Amino acid sequence: MVPDAVKESQAETKPKVERQTNCLACNKLIKKLKRYYRNGKFYCSKKCWRVFVAKTKAESAEGKK
C-alpha cells in the first residue's frame, strides 16, 4: 500500500508557477511599487503595455498575410 500513498502525494503537489519579473515590452525589471497589470501580465508602465499590444497586433497582421 505504500506505492498508492506515494502516488497520491505526487498528484497533490502542483508545479510551481514562475513569477514574471521583467516587463514584456522593454524587458526592464518590474518593481512591486510601480507595475501595470493587464490581461494577466505585468508591465512596467501603461506606455509599455500599449507598445506590447501594438507590436502583437502588427505581428498577427503579418502572419495572416
Protein backbone atom coordinates (compact mmCIF):
# COMPACT_ATOMS: atom_id res chain seq x y z
CA MET A 1 0.00 0.00 0.00
CA VAL A 2 2.98 2.34 0.16
CA PRO A 3 3.09 2.97 -3.60
CA ASP A 4 -0.52 4.24 -3.51
CA ALA A 5 0.37 6.78 -0.84
CA VAL A 6 3.33 7.97 -2.88
CA LYS A 7 1.17 8.35 -5.99
CA GLU A 8 -1.42 10.38 -4.07
CA SER A 9 1.19 12.74 -2.63
CA GLN A 10 2.70 13.28 -6.09
CA ALA A 11 -0.72 14.02 -7.53
CA GLU A 12 -1.41 16.63 -4.84
CA THR A 13 1.76 18.62 -5.46
CA LYS A 14 1.36 21.16 -8.21
CA PRO A 15 4.21 22.57 -10.28
CA LYS A 16 5.33 26.00 -9.13
CA VAL A 17 4.28 28.87 -11.36
CA GLU A 18 7.15 31.19 -12.18
CA ARG A 19 6.58 34.82 -11.33
CA GLN A 20 7.01 37.36 -14.05
CA THR A 21 9.93 39.61 -13.13
CA ASN A 22 10.55 41.59 -16.33
CA CYS A 23 8.37 43.81 -18.49
CA LEU A 24 7.24 42.10 -21.69
CA ALA A 25 7.76 45.20 -23.83
CA CYS A 26 11.10 46.63 -22.65
CA ASN A 27 12.45 43.74 -20.52
CA LYS A 28 13.06 46.06 -17.54
CA LEU A 29 12.84 44.71 -14.01
CA ILE A 30 9.33 45.21 -12.61
CA LYS A 31 9.28 46.72 -9.14
CA LYS A 32 6.44 45.99 -6.78
CA LEU A 33 5.57 49.63 -6.20
CA LYS A 34 5.44 50.54 -9.87
CA ARG A 35 3.79 47.91 -12.04
CA TYR A 36 0.93 47.87 -14.50
CA TYR A 37 -1.29 44.77 -14.69
CA ARG A 38 -3.36 44.00 -17.79
CA ASN A 39 -4.79 40.74 -19.15
CA GLY A 40 -2.92 38.51 -16.71
CA LYS A 41 0.52 40.04 -17.35
CA PHE A 42 2.66 42.71 -15.72
CA TYR A 43 4.27 45.69 -17.45
CA CYS A 44 6.41 48.50 -16.04
CA SER A 45 4.04 51.22 -17.29
CA LYS A 46 0.94 51.90 -19.34
CA LYS A 47 3.14 53.05 -22.22
CA CYS A 48 4.91 49.67 -22.33
CA TRP A 49 1.55 47.90 -22.30
CA ARG A 50 0.41 49.93 -25.31
CA VAL A 51 3.68 49.22 -27.16
CA PHE A 52 3.31 45.49 -26.48
CA VAL A 53 -0.30 45.46 -27.72
CA ALA A 54 0.62 47.34 -30.88
CA LYS A 55 3.56 45.00 -31.52
CA THR A 56 1.44 41.87 -31.13
CA LYS A 57 -1.24 43.28 -33.45
CA ALA A 58 1.38 44.03 -36.09
CA GLU A 59 2.85 40.53 -35.80
CA SER A 60 -0.55 38.90 -36.09
CA ALA A 61 -1.37 41.02 -39.16
CA GLU A 62 1.88 39.89 -40.82
CA GLY A 63 1.10 36.29 -40.00
CA LYS A 64 -2.31 36.47 -41.70
CA LYS A 65 -0.93 37.79 -44.99
